[in-house]
C-alpha atoms as a PDB file:
ATOM      1  CA  MET A   1     -16.411   3.837 -12.625  1.00  0.00           C
ATOM      2  CA  LYS A   2     -17.992   0.819 -10.945  1.00  0.00           C
ATOM      3  CA  THR A   3     -16.046  -2.346 -10.166  1.00  0.00           C
ATOM      4  CA  ARG A   4     -16.433  -5.149  -7.660  1.00  0.00           C
ATOM      5  CA  ILE A   5     -14.148  -3.181  -5.347  1.00  0.00           C
ATOM      6  CA  THR A   6     -16.196   0.034  -5.442  1.00  0.00           C
ATOM      7  CA  GLU A   7     -19.321  -2.002  -4.750  1.00  0.00           C
ATOM      8  CA  LEU A   8     -17.708  -4.033  -1.950  1.00  0.00           C
ATOM      9  CA  PHE A   9     -16.335  -1.037  -0.059  1.00  0.00           C
ATOM     10  CA  GLY A  10     -18.978   1.549  -0.948  1.00  0.00           C
ATOM     11  CA  ILE A  11     -16.515   3.957  -2.568  1.00  0.00           C
ATOM     12  CA  GLU A  12     -16.735   6.100  -5.694  1.00  0.00           C
ATOM     13  CA  HIS A  13     -13.404   5.260  -7.343  1.00  0.00           C
ATOM     14  CA  PRO A  14     -11.464   1.956  -7.363  1.00  0.00           C
ATOM     15  CA  ILE A  15      -8.408   3.487  -5.703  1.00  0.00           C
ATOM     16  CA  ILE A  16      -7.064   2.486  -2.281  1.00  0.00           C
ATOM     17  CA  GLN A  17      -4.378   4.150  -0.183  1.00  0.00           C
ATOM     18  CA  GLY A  18      -2.455   1.321   1.419  1.00  0.00           C
ATOM     19  CA  GLY A  19      -1.272   1.267   4.997  1.00  0.00           C
ATOM     20  CA  MET A  20       2.172   2.832   5.448  1.00  0.00           C
ATOM     21  CA  HIS A  21       4.152   3.134   8.684  1.00  0.00           C
ATOM     22  CA  TYR A  22       4.180   6.725  10.016  1.00  0.00           C
ATOM     23  CA  VAL A  23       2.336   7.876   6.877  1.00  0.00           C
ATOM     24  CA  GLY A  24      -1.169   6.474   7.290  1.00  0.00           C
ATOM     25  CA  PHE A  25      -2.554   8.959   9.787  1.00  0.00           C
ATOM     26  CA  ALA A  26      -6.137  10.244   9.902  1.00  0.00           C
ATOM     27  CA  GLU A  27      -5.353  13.345   7.821  1.00  0.00           C
ATOM     28  CA  LEU A  28      -4.264  11.331   4.794  1.00  0.00           C
ATOM     29  CA  ALA A  29      -6.884   8.600   5.158  1.00  0.00           C
ATOM     30  CA  ALA A  30      -9.695  11.157   5.346  1.00  0.00           C
ATOM     31  CA  ALA A  31      -8.364  13.130   2.376  1.00  0.00           C
ATOM     32  CA  VAL A  32      -8.279  10.007   0.205  1.00  0.00           C
ATOM     33  CA  SER A  33     -11.742   8.917   1.293  1.00  0.00           C
ATOM     34  CA  ASN A  34     -13.182  12.414   0.784  1.00  0.00           C
ATOM     35  CA  ALA A  35     -11.768  12.316  -2.744  1.00  0.00           C
ATOM     36  CA  GLY A  36     -13.714   9.138  -3.489  1.00  0.00           C
ATOM     37  CA  GLY A  37     -11.071   6.508  -2.778  1.00  0.00           C
ATOM     38  CA  LEU A  38     -10.489   4.376   0.299  1.00  0.00           C
ATOM     39  CA  GLY A  39      -8.079   5.914   2.788  1.00  0.00           C
ATOM     40  CA  THR A  40      -6.250   3.791   5.335  1.00  0.00           C
ATOM     41  CA  ILE A  41      -5.004   4.425   8.876  1.00  0.00           C
ATOM     42  CA  THR A  42      -1.924   2.370   9.751  1.00  0.00           C
ATOM     43  CA  GLY A  43      -2.855   0.611  12.976  1.00  0.00           C
ATOM     44  CA  LEU A  44       0.556  -0.264  14.394  1.00  0.00           C
ATOM     45  CA  THR A  45       1.891   3.263  13.896  1.00  0.00           C
ATOM     46  CA  GLN A  46      -0.332   4.024  16.872  1.00  0.00           C
ATOM     47  CA  LYS A  47       1.517   2.923  20.004  1.00  0.00           C
ATOM     48  CA  SER A  48      -1.511   1.457  21.780  1.00  0.00           C
ATOM     49  CA  PRO A  49      -5.124   0.455  21.117  1.00  0.00           C
ATOM     50  CA  ALA A  50      -6.205   3.646  22.906  1.00  0.00           C
ATOM     51  CA  ASP A  51      -4.098   5.722  20.523  1.00  0.00           C
ATOM     52  CA  LEU A  52      -5.645   3.907  17.569  1.00  0.00           C
ATOM     53  CA  ALA A  53      -9.140   4.550  18.943  1.00  0.00           C
ATOM     54  CA  ASN A  54      -8.300   8.270  19.092  1.00  0.00           C
ATOM     55  CA  GLU A  55      -6.967   8.240  15.527  1.00  0.00           C
ATOM     56  CA  ILE A  56     -10.107   6.478  14.264  1.00  0.00           C
ATOM     57  CA  ALA A  57     -12.266   9.055  16.066  1.00  0.00           C
ATOM     58  CA  LYS A  58     -10.235  11.833  14.464  1.00  0.00           C
ATOM     59  CA  CYS A  59     -10.752  10.316  11.023  1.00  0.00           C
ATOM     60  CA  ASN A  60     -14.483  10.001  11.671  1.00  0.00           C
ATOM     61  CA  ASP A  61     -14.512  13.723  12.433  1.00  0.00           C
ATOM     62  CA  LEU A  62     -12.746  14.458   9.129  1.00  0.00           C
ATOM     63  CA  THR A  63     -14.851  12.291   6.803  1.00  0.00           C
ATOM     64  CA  ASP A  64     -18.224  10.602   6.607  1.00  0.00           C
ATOM     65  CA  LYS A  65     -16.956   8.252   3.901  1.00  0.00           C
ATOM     66  CA  PRO A  66     -15.678   4.696   4.441  1.00  0.00           C
ATOM     67  CA  PHE A  67     -12.035   4.312   5.433  1.00  0.00           C
ATOM     68  CA  ALA A  68      -9.876   1.349   6.398  1.00  0.00           C
ATOM     69  CA  VAL A  69      -7.420   0.458   9.136  1.00  0.00           C
ATOM     70  CA  ASN A  70      -4.305  -1.539   8.291  1.00  0.00           C
ATOM     71  CA  LEU A  71      -3.326  -4.253  10.753  1.00  0.00           C
ATOM     72  CA  THR A  72       0.008  -5.949  10.023  1.00  0.00           C
ATOM     73  CA  PHE A  73       0.776  -9.238  11.731  1.00  0.00           C
ATOM     74  CA  LEU A  74       4.472  -9.302  12.502  1.00  0.00           C
ATOM     75  CA  PRO A  75       6.759 -12.223  13.360  1.00  0.00           C
ATOM     76  CA  THR A  76       7.913 -10.884  16.703  1.00  0.00           C
ATOM     77  CA  VAL A  77       8.672 -12.133  20.207  1.00  0.00           C
ATOM     78  CA  ASN A  78       6.742  -9.332  21.883  1.00  0.00           C
ATOM     79  CA  ALA A  79       3.554  -9.188  19.850  1.00  0.00           C
ATOM     80  CA  PRO A  80       1.456  -6.015  19.841  1.00  0.00           C
ATOM     81  CA  ASP A  81      -1.877  -6.081  21.666  1.00  0.00           C
ATOM     82  CA  TYR A  82      -3.760  -7.367  18.646  1.00  0.00           C
ATOM     83  CA  PRO A  83      -7.007  -8.068  20.550  1.00  0.00           C
ATOM     84  CA  GLY A  84      -6.939  -4.486  21.793  1.00  0.00           C
ATOM     85  CA  TYR A  85      -6.355  -3.092  18.304  1.00  0.00           C
ATOM     86  CA  VAL A  86      -9.180  -5.220  16.900  1.00  0.00           C
ATOM     87  CA  LYS A  87     -11.495  -3.991  19.660  1.00  0.00           C
ATOM     88  CA  ALA A  88     -10.613  -0.362  18.839  1.00  0.00           C
ATOM     89  CA  ILE A  89     -11.349  -1.003  15.166  1.00  0.00           C
ATOM     90  CA  ILE A  90     -14.717  -2.597  15.871  1.00  0.00           C
ATOM     91  CA  GLU A  91     -15.810  -0.024  18.450  1.00  0.00           C
ATOM     92  CA  GLY A  92     -14.692   2.806  16.140  1.00  0.00           C
ATOM     93  CA  GLY A  93     -17.151   1.698  13.474  1.00  0.00           C
ATOM     94  CA  VAL A  94     -14.462   1.005  10.868  1.00  0.00           C
ATOM     95  CA  LYS A  95     -15.941  -0.668   7.776  1.00  0.00           C
ATOM     96  CA  VAL A  96     -12.796  -2.096   6.170  1.00  0.00           C
ATOM     97  CA  VAL A  97      -9.596  -3.667   7.493  1.00  0.00           C
ATOM     98  CA  GLU A  98      -6.485  -4.156   5.386  1.00  0.00           C
ATOM     99  CA  THR A  99      -4.462  -7.010   6.837  1.00  0.00           C
ATOM    100  CA  ALA A 100      -0.835  -7.715   5.937  1.00  0.00           C
ATOM    101  CA  GLY A 101       2.099  -9.830   7.006  1.00  0.00           C
ATOM    102  CA  ARG A 102       1.242 -13.189   8.492  1.00  0.00           C
ATOM    103  CA  ASN A 103      -2.052 -15.034   8.058  1.00  0.00           C
ATOM    104  CA  PRO A 104      -4.838 -13.036   9.787  1.00  0.00           C
ATOM    105  CA  VAL A 105      -7.008 -16.088  10.454  1.00  0.00           C
ATOM    106  CA  GLN A 106      -7.010 -15.516  14.248  1.00  0.00           C
ATOM    107  CA  VAL A 107      -8.838 -12.185  13.948  1.00  0.00           C
ATOM    108  CA  MET A 108     -11.186 -13.067  11.098  1.00  0.00           C
ATOM    109  CA  PRO A 109     -14.111 -14.267  13.267  1.00  0.00           C
ATOM    110  CA  TYR A 110     -14.157 -11.019  15.259  1.00  0.00           C
ATOM    111  CA  LEU A 111     -13.964  -8.803  12.175  1.00  0.00           C
ATOM    112  CA  LYS A 112     -16.562 -10.776  10.236  1.00  0.00           C
ATOM    113  CA  ASP A 113     -18.968 -10.862  13.196  1.00  0.00           C
ATOM    114  CA  ALA A 114     -18.723  -7.066  13.274  1.00  0.00           C
ATOM    115  CA  GLY A 115     -19.598  -6.858   9.571  1.00  0.00           C
ATOM    116  CA  ILE A 116     -16.145  -5.584   8.614  1.00  0.00           C
ATOM    117  CA  LYS A 117     -14.805  -6.251   5.107  1.00  0.00           C
ATOM    118  CA  VAL A 118     -11.259  -7.636   5.041  1.00  0.00           C
ATOM    119  CA  ILE A 119      -8.711  -7.139   2.258  1.00  0.00           C
ATOM    120  CA  HIS A 120      -5.434  -9.004   2.738  1.00  0.00           C
ATOM    121  CA  LYS A 121      -2.158  -7.945   1.122  1.00  0.00           C
ATOM    122  CA  CYS A 122      -0.444 -10.839  -0.690  1.00  0.00           C
ATOM    123  CA  THR A 123       2.735 -11.165  -2.733  1.00  0.00           C
ATOM    124  CA  SER A 124       1.850 -14.439  -4.442  1.00  0.00           C
ATOM    125  CA  VAL A 125      -1.077 -16.312  -5.942  1.00  0.00           C
ATOM    126  CA  ARG A 126      -0.782 -19.101  -3.345  1.00  0.00           C
ATOM    127  CA  HIS A 127      -1.091 -16.612  -0.498  1.00  0.00           C
ATOM    128  CA  SER A 128      -4.025 -14.939  -2.260  1.00  0.00           C
ATOM    129  CA  LEU A 129      -5.815 -18.277  -2.516  1.00  0.00           C
ATOM    130  CA  LYS A 130      -5.211 -18.882   1.191  1.00  0.00           C
ATOM    131  CA  ALA A 131      -6.686 -15.458   1.992  1.00  0.00           C
ATOM    132  CA  GLN A 132      -9.734 -16.374  -0.059  1.00  0.00           C
ATOM    133  CA  GLU A 133     -10.000 -19.716   1.752  1.00  0.00           C
ATOM    134  CA  ILE A 134     -10.022 -18.164   5.246  1.00  0.00           C
ATOM    135  CA  GLY A 135     -12.798 -15.747   4.293  1.00  0.00           C
ATOM    136  CA  CYS A 136     -11.128 -12.521   3.180  1.00  0.00           C
ATOM    137  CA  ASP A 137     -13.467 -10.440   1.042  1.00  0.00           C
ATOM    138  CA  ALA A 138     -10.711  -9.225  -1.299  1.00  0.00           C
ATOM    139  CA  VAL A 139      -6.948  -9.256  -1.709  1.00  0.00           C
ATOM    140  CA  SER A 140      -4.338  -6.671  -2.626  1.00  0.00           C
ATOM    141  CA  VAL A 141      -1.880  -8.388  -4.977  1.00  0.00           C
ATOM    142  CA  ASP A 142       1.552  -6.901  -4.375  1.00  0.00           C
ATOM    143  CA  GLY A 143       4.036  -7.173  -7.244  1.00  0.00           C
ATOM    144  CA  PHE A 144       7.835  -7.179  -7.120  1.00  0.00           C
ATOM    145  CA  GLU A 145       7.898  -3.464  -8.025  1.00  0.00           C
ATOM    146  CA  CYS A 146       6.368  -2.451  -4.695  1.00  0.00           C
ATOM    147  CA  GLY A 147       7.943  -0.457  -1.926  1.00  0.00           C
ATOM    148  CA  GLY A 148       8.275  -2.318   1.351  1.00  0.00           C
ATOM    149  CA  HIS A 149       8.199  -6.106   1.400  1.00  0.00           C
ATOM    150  CA  PRO A 150       7.684  -7.761  -2.030  1.00  0.00           C
ATOM    151  CA  GLY A 151       8.071 -11.324  -0.791  1.00  0.00           C
ATOM    152  CA  GLU A 152      10.715 -13.682  -2.097  1.00  0.00           C
ATOM    153  CA  ASP A 153       9.268 -14.828  -5.444  1.00  0.00           C
ATOM    154  CA  ASP A 154      10.228 -11.723  -7.476  1.00  0.00           C
ATOM    155  CA  ILE A 155       7.149 -11.845  -9.732  1.00  0.00           C
ATOM    156  CA  PRO A 156       6.225  -8.488 -11.316  1.00  0.00           C
ATOM    157  CA  ASN A 157       2.649  -7.405 -11.818  1.00  0.00           C
ATOM    158  CA  MET A 158       2.552  -8.056 -15.570  1.00  0.00           C
ATOM    159  CA  ILE A 159       2.633 -11.747 -14.619  1.00  0.00           C
ATOM    160  CA  LEU A 160       1.218 -11.744 -11.103  1.00  0.00           C
ATOM    161  CA  LEU A 161      -2.055  -9.930 -11.841  1.00  0.00           C
ATOM    162  CA  PRO A 162      -3.205 -12.163 -14.734  1.00  0.00           C
ATOM    163  CA  ARG A 163      -2.247 -15.228 -12.674  1.00  0.00           C
ATOM    164  CA  ALA A 164      -4.346 -13.932  -9.797  1.00  0.00           C
ATOM    165  CA  ALA A 165      -7.244 -13.307 -12.168  1.00  0.00           C
ATOM    166  CA  ASP A 166      -6.970 -16.887 -13.410  1.00  0.00           C
ATOM    167  CA  GLU A 167      -7.186 -18.352  -9.910  1.00  0.00           C
ATOM    168  CA  LEU A 168      -9.218 -16.058  -7.651  1.00  0.00           C
ATOM    169  CA  GLU A 169     -12.977 -15.781  -7.261  1.00  0.00           C
ATOM    170  CA  ILE A 170     -12.927 -12.816  -4.864  1.00  0.00           C
ATOM    171  CA  PRO A 171     -12.090  -9.321  -6.165  1.00  0.00           C
ATOM    172  CA  PHE A 172      -8.537  -8.044  -5.991  1.00  0.00           C
ATOM    173  CA  VAL A 173      -6.607  -4.840  -6.546  1.00  0.00           C
ATOM    174  CA  SER A 174      -3.144  -4.307  -7.979  1.00  0.00           C
ATOM    175  CA  SER A 175      -0.429  -3.030  -5.672  1.00  0.00           C
ATOM    176  CA  GLY A 176       3.157  -2.077  -6.449  1.00  0.00           C
ATOM    177  CA  GLY A 177       4.085   0.207  -9.333  1.00  0.00           C
ATOM    178  CA  GLN A 178       0.722   1.996  -9.360  1.00  0.00           C
ATOM    179  CA  ALA A 179       0.794   5.757  -9.911  1.00  0.00           C
ATOM    180  CA  ASP A 180      -1.594   7.066 -12.547  1.00  0.00           C
ATOM    181  CA  ALA A 181      -4.401   6.416 -15.018  1.00  0.00           C
ATOM    182  CA  ARG A 182      -2.209   4.094 -17.072  1.00  0.00           C
ATOM    183  CA  SER A 183      -1.639   1.985 -13.968  1.00  0.00           C
ATOM    184  CA  LEU A 184      -5.368   1.759 -13.302  1.00  0.00           C
ATOM    185  CA  VAL A 185      -6.402   0.890 -16.863  1.00  0.00           C
ATOM    186  CA  ALA A 186      -3.604  -1.671 -17.188  1.00  0.00           C
ATOM    187  CA  SER A 187      -4.590  -3.250 -13.864  1.00  0.00           C
ATOM    188  CA  LEU A 188      -8.224  -3.502 -14.951  1.00  0.00           C
ATOM    189  CA  ALA A 189      -7.132  -5.051 -18.242  1.00  0.00           C
ATOM    190  CA  MET A 190      -5.191  -7.719 -16.356  1.00  0.00           C
ATOM    191  CA  GLY A 191      -8.192  -8.664 -14.239  1.00  0.00           C
ATOM    192  CA  ALA A 192      -7.897  -6.456 -11.168  1.00  0.00           C
ATOM    193  CA  ASP A 193     -10.875  -4.496  -9.843  1.00  0.00           C
ATOM    194  CA  GLY A 194      -8.884  -1.429  -8.800  1.00  0.00           C
ATOM    195  CA  MET A 195      -5.475  -0.390  -7.557  1.00  0.00           C
ATOM    196  CA  ASN A 196      -3.680   0.263  -4.286  1.00  0.00           C
ATOM    197  CA  MET A 197      -1.148   3.105  -4.152  1.00  0.00           C
ATOM    198  CA  GLY A 198       1.406   3.703  -1.411  1.00  0.00           C
ATOM    199  CA  THR A 199       4.415   5.707  -2.575  1.00  0.00           C
ATOM    200  CA  ARG A 200       2.232   7.872  -4.839  1.00  0.00           C
ATOM    201  CA  PHE A 201       0.090   8.964  -1.886  1.00  0.00           C
ATOM    202  CA  MET A 202       3.207   9.849   0.120  1.00  0.00           C
ATOM    203  CA  ALA A 203       3.833  12.614  -2.418  1.00  0.00           C
ATOM    204  CA  THR A 204       0.579  14.465  -1.787  1.00  0.00           C
ATOM    205  CA  LYS A 205      -0.117  17.666   0.067  1.00  0.00           C
ATOM    206  CA  GLU A 206      -2.142  15.957   2.796  1.00  0.00           C
ATOM    207  CA  ALA A 207       0.413  13.259   3.548  1.00  0.00           C
ATOM    208  CA  PRO A 208       1.490  14.184   7.120  1.00  0.00           C
ATOM    209  CA  ILE A 209       5.188  13.529   6.512  1.00  0.00           C
ATOM    210  CA  HIS A 210       8.199  15.815   6.212  1.00  0.00           C
ATOM    211  CA  GLN A 211       8.643  17.776   3.000  1.00  0.00           C
ATOM    212  CA  ASN A 212      12.131  16.259   2.643  1.00  0.00           C
ATOM    213  CA  VAL A 213      10.543  12.831   2.109  1.00  0.00           C
ATOM    214  CA  LYS A 214       8.145  14.133  -0.533  1.00  0.00           C
ATOM    215  CA  ASP A 215      10.941  15.965  -2.326  1.00  0.00           C
ATOM    216  CA  ALA A 216      13.105  12.825  -2.302  1.00  0.00           C
ATOM    217  CA  ILE A 217      10.340  10.816  -3.973  1.00  0.00           C
ATOM    218  CA  VAL A 218       9.806  13.463  -6.656  1.00  0.00           C
ATOM    219  CA  ALA A 219      13.563  13.669  -7.310  1.00  0.00           C
ATOM    220  CA  ALA A 220      14.025   9.889  -7.512  1.00  0.00           C
ATOM    221  CA  SER A 221      14.029   7.822 -10.688  1.00  0.00           C
ATOM    222  CA  GLU A 222      12.978   4.214 -11.163  1.00  0.00           C
ATOM    223  CA  LEU A 223      16.653   3.292 -10.702  1.00  0.00           C
ATOM    224  CA  ASP A 224      16.973   4.674  -7.176  1.00  0.00           C
ATOM    225  CA  THR A 225      15.509   1.877  -5.049  1.00  0.00           C
ATOM    226  CA  ARG A 226      17.432  -1.062  -3.622  1.00  0.00           C
ATOM    227  CA  LEU A 227      16.518  -4.446  -2.126  1.00  0.00           C
ATOM    228  CA  ILE A 228      17.860  -5.083   1.363  1.00  0.00           C
ATOM    229  CA  MET A 229      17.611  -7.981   3.827  1.00  0.00           C
ATOM    230  CA  ARG A 230      17.521 -10.572   1.062  1.00  0.00           C
ATOM    231  CA  PRO A 231      19.935 -12.861   2.945  1.00  0.00           C
ATOM    232  CA  LEU A 232      17.494 -12.787   5.882  1.00  0.00           C
ATOM    233  CA  ARG A 233      14.546 -13.647   3.601  1.00  0.00           C
ATOM    234  CA  ASN A 234      12.851 -10.461   4.752  1.00  0.00           C
ATOM    235  CA  THR A 235      13.380  -8.510   1.538  1.00  0.00           C
ATOM    236  CA  GLU A 236      12.467  -4.832   1.594  1.00  0.00           C
ATOM    237  CA  ARG A 237      12.533  -2.315  -1.257  1.00  0.00           C
ATOM    238  CA  VAL A 238      13.828   1.029  -0.027  1.00  0.00           C
ATOM    239  CA  LEU A 239      14.996   4.335  -1.466  1.00  0.00           C
ATOM    240  CA  MET A 240      18.779   4.547  -1.755  1.00  0.00           C
ATOM    241  CA  ASN A 241      20.454   6.681   0.907  1.00  0.00           C
ATOM    242  CA  GLU A 242      23.476   6.542   3.211  1.00  0.00           C
ATOM    243  CA  ALA A 243      21.780   4.085   5.577  1.00  0.00           C
ATOM    244  CA  VAL A 244      20.965   1.726   2.703  1.00  0.00           C
ATOM    245  CA  ALA A 245      24.595   1.877   1.597  1.00  0.00           C
ATOM    246  CA  ARG A 246      25.651   0.885   5.116  1.00  0.00           C
ATOM    247  CA  VAL A 247      23.223  -2.047   5.184  1.00  0.00           C
ATOM    248  CA  LEU A 248      24.336  -3.293   1.768  1.00  0.00           C
ATOM    249  CA  ALA A 249      27.977  -3.075   2.825  1.00  0.00           C
ATOM    250  CA  VAL A 250      27.276  -5.206   5.923  1.00  0.00           C
ATOM    251  CA  GLU A 251      25.361  -7.725   3.823  1.00  0.00           C
ATOM    252  CA  THR A 252      28.297  -7.999   1.432  1.00  0.00           C
ATOM    253  CA  GLU A 253      30.757  -8.386   4.300  1.00  0.00           C
ATOM    254  CA  LYS A 254      28.759 -10.915   6.342  1.00  0.00           C
ATOM    255  CA  GLY A 255      27.187 -12.898   3.491  1.00  0.00           C
ATOM    256  CA  ALA A 256      25.164 -15.881   4.656  1.00  0.00           C
ATOM    257  CA  ASP A 257      26.322 -15.313   8.250  1.00  0.00           C
ATOM    258  CA  ILE A 258      24.467 -12.008   8.606  1.00  0.00           C
ATOM    259  CA  LYS A 259      22.062 -11.573  11.510  1.00  0.00           C
ATOM    260  CA  PHE A 260      19.342  -8.983  11.945  1.00  0.00           C
ATOM    261  CA  GLU A 261      21.285  -7.515  14.860  1.00  0.00           C
ATOM    262  CA  ASP A 262      24.098  -6.597  12.433  1.00  0.00           C
ATOM    263  CA  ILE A 263      21.871  -3.993  10.710  1.00  0.00           C
ATOM    264  CA  LEU A 264      19.459  -3.228  13.547  1.00  0.00           C
ATOM    265  CA  GLU A 265      20.536   0.393  13.986  1.00  0.00           C
ATOM    266  CA  ASP A 266      19.702   1.299  10.387  1.00  0.00           C
ATOM    267  CA  VAL A 267      16.415  -0.605  10.013  1.00  0.00           C
ATOM    268  CA  ALA A 268      14.592  -0.556  13.375  1.00  0.00           C
ATOM    269  CA  GLY A 269      12.817   2.386  14.969  1.00  0.00           C
ATOM    270  CA  VAL A 270      13.926   4.894  12.337  1.00  0.00           C
ATOM    271  CA  TYR A 271      10.591   5.831  10.771  1.00  0.00           C
ATOM    272  CA  PRO A 272       9.648   8.697  13.120  1.00  0.00           C
ATOM    273  CA  LYS A 273      13.006  10.376  12.471  1.00  0.00           C
ATOM    274  CA  VAL A 274      12.659   9.967   8.704  1.00  0.00           C
ATOM    275  CA  MET A 275       8.955  10.577   8.139  1.00  0.00           C
ATOM    276  CA  LEU A 276       8.273  13.176  10.815  1.00  0.00           C
ATOM    277  CA  ASP A 277      11.647  14.882  11.316  1.00  0.00           C
ATOM    278  CA  GLY A 278      12.954  14.634   7.743  1.00  0.00           C
ATOM    279  CA  GLU A 279      16.312  13.078   8.677  1.00  0.00           C
ATOM    280  CA  MET A 280      16.820  11.422   5.302  1.00  0.00           C
ATOM    281  CA  ASP A 281      19.923   9.321   6.008  1.00  0.00           C
ATOM    282  CA  VAL A 282      19.252   8.180   9.572  1.00  0.00           C
ATOM    283  CA  GLY A 283      17.784   4.875   8.426  1.00  0.00           C
ATOM    284  CA  VAL A 284      16.190   2.916   5.580  1.00  0.00           C
ATOM    285  CA  TRP A 285      12.635   3.612   4.447  1.00  0.00           C
ATOM    286  CA  SER A 286      10.290   1.872   2.044  1.00  0.00           C
ATOM    287  CA  CYS A 287       9.764   3.328  -1.408  1.00  0.00           C
ATOM    288  CA  GLY A 288       8.560   1.773  -4.647  1.00  0.00           C
ATOM    289  CA  MET A 289      10.137   1.854  -8.094  1.00  0.00           C
ATOM    290  CA  VAL A 290       7.075   3.901  -9.015  1.00  0.00           C
ATOM    291  CA  ALA A 291       8.953   6.949  -7.705  1.00  0.00           C
ATOM    292  CA  GLY A 292      10.210   7.236 -11.278  1.00  0.00           C
ATOM    293  CA  LEU A 293       6.658   8.126 -12.364  1.00  0.00           C
ATOM    294  CA  ILE A 294       6.076  10.752  -9.672  1.00  0.00           C
ATOM    295  CA  ASP A 295       6.974  14.354 -10.502  1.00  0.00           C
ATOM    296  CA  ASP A 296       4.535  16.490  -8.524  1.00  0.00           C
ATOM    297  CA  ILE A 297       2.856  16.860  -5.133  1.00  0.00           C
ATOM    298  CA  PRO A 298      -0.883  17.354  -5.712  1.00  0.00           C
ATOM    299  CA  THR A 299      -3.745  17.189  -3.245  1.00  0.00           C
ATOM    300  CA  CYS A 300      -5.376  13.782  -2.937  1.00  0.00           C
ATOM    301  CA  LYS A 301      -8.455  15.084  -4.719  1.00  0.00           C
ATOM    302  CA  GLU A 302      -6.386  16.521  -7.567  1.00  0.00           C
ATOM    303  CA  LEU A 303      -4.545  13.229  -7.910  1.00  0.00           C
ATOM    304  CA  ILE A 304      -7.611  10.986  -7.857  1.00  0.00           C
ATOM    305  CA  ASP A 305      -9.637  13.280 -10.128  1.00  0.00           C
ATOM    306  CA  ARG A 306      -6.751  13.331 -12.614  1.00  0.00           C
ATOM    307  CA  ILE A 307      -6.396   9.559 -12.558  1.00  0.00           C
ATOM    308  CA  MET A 308     -10.082   8.977 -13.170  1.00  0.00           C
ATOM    309  CA  SER A 309     -10.353  11.627 -15.901  1.00  0.00           C
ATOM    310  CA  GLU A 310      -7.303  10.333 -17.738  1.00  0.00           C
ATOM    311  CA  ALA A 311      -8.409   6.711 -17.316  1.00  0.00           C
ATOM    312  CA  ASP A 312     -11.702   7.608 -18.973  1.00  0.00           C
ATOM    313  CA  ALA A 313      -9.820   9.240 -21.846  1.00  0.00           C
ATOM    314  CA  ILE A 314      -7.548   6.210 -22.296  1.00  0.00           C
ATOM    315  CA  VAL A 315     -10.478   3.814 -22.452  1.00  0.00           C
ATOM    316  CA  ARG A 316     -12.856   5.948 -24.526  1.00  0.00           C
ATOM    317  CA  SER A 317     -10.393   7.605 -26.880  1.00  0.00           C
ATOM    318  CA  ARG A 318      -7.117   5.737 -27.193  1.00  0.00           C
ATOM    319  CA  LEU A 319      -8.296   2.144 -26.834  1.00  0.00           C
ATOM    320  CA  GLU A 320     -11.661   2.635 -28.508  1.00  0.00           C
ATOM    321  CA  GLY A 321      -9.902   4.442 -31.338  1.00  0.00           C
ATOM    322  CA  MET A 322      -7.668   1.437 -31.870  1.00  0.00           C
ATOM    323  CA  LEU A 323     -10.700  -0.826 -32.103  1.00  0.00           C
ATOM    324  CA  ALA A 324     -12.225   1.549 -34.617  1.00  0.00           C
ATOM    325  CA  GLY A 325      -9.052   1.468 -36.671  1.00  0.00           C
ATOM    326  CA  SER A 326      -8.361   5.164 -36.199  1.00  0.00           C
ATOM    327  CA  VAL A 327      -4.744   5.934 -35.381  1.00  0.00           C
ATOM    328  CA  ALA A 328      -5.529   9.641 -34.936  1.00  0.00           C
ATOM    329  CA  ALA A 329      -8.223   8.919 -32.349  1.00  0.00           C
ATOM    330  CA  ALA A 330      -5.937   6.530 -30.507  1.00  0.00           C
ATOM    331  CA  ALA A 331      -2.993   8.946 -30.294  1.00  0.00           C
END
């Protein structure tokens, strides 16, 4: 399947593994890229630019296919060494950068001068248009269904994707609620050029996270996520657990007077304990509603091959059969 995204990034299939904290290590990124998609190393999971350089080198040893590095720009007092991370990305020969969070305009000249393609994650059409304006090559349009931070507009992908298609000139991929061939075909129908999957790639054999996390995703339904930090306008979709219950209780108690410090213990610095050690209730962790569509833990190649095969069948048999007026062929 060829789309503007496969052509832009030099990949076989229009499937991207998004950056995920303490999930996007070289092992997963390489497995996705080797399977024909675009794998992504999560830059800020690495504690320093030197650590990121080592992780990029490791990924280069594991694959000769293109892969990306995610760089999230956080609103923080003590900012990470972004120039150092950018230097590690450029010197590591990375071809694609996925930016997220705040506007990445300050790093765009350096990335573009190095010939790196930039895809920015956006939760609204207005932010997508701004990404296009500052020179991003593509955007990842993140609907309300997504795990992590869905923004504050609460627009699901059935509306957000067609709106993006109406406004954007650069290619974009769907993100949030993406899990299978139906997700891909639906996204293409709504104007996207591919899809970005996060939670779905967590439940794969190569994902270097604790089995407890994978099992929790498989066991979860679409009803098992919650939105936290809404009063702080830093909304995050997470999988329900004891820590989430504690956060929601504090939010109810404090109301509009809540401060980040009131929930700090359950939301900050918990990812290594959850993702690597499998301590499932020690803190909150991002998970999409798409968990309700996940019921197995395949390899990345098995997953991507299945998606592409079934997408072909949907387009050629089911949809084409409907056009031909054959209910049997479309079933």
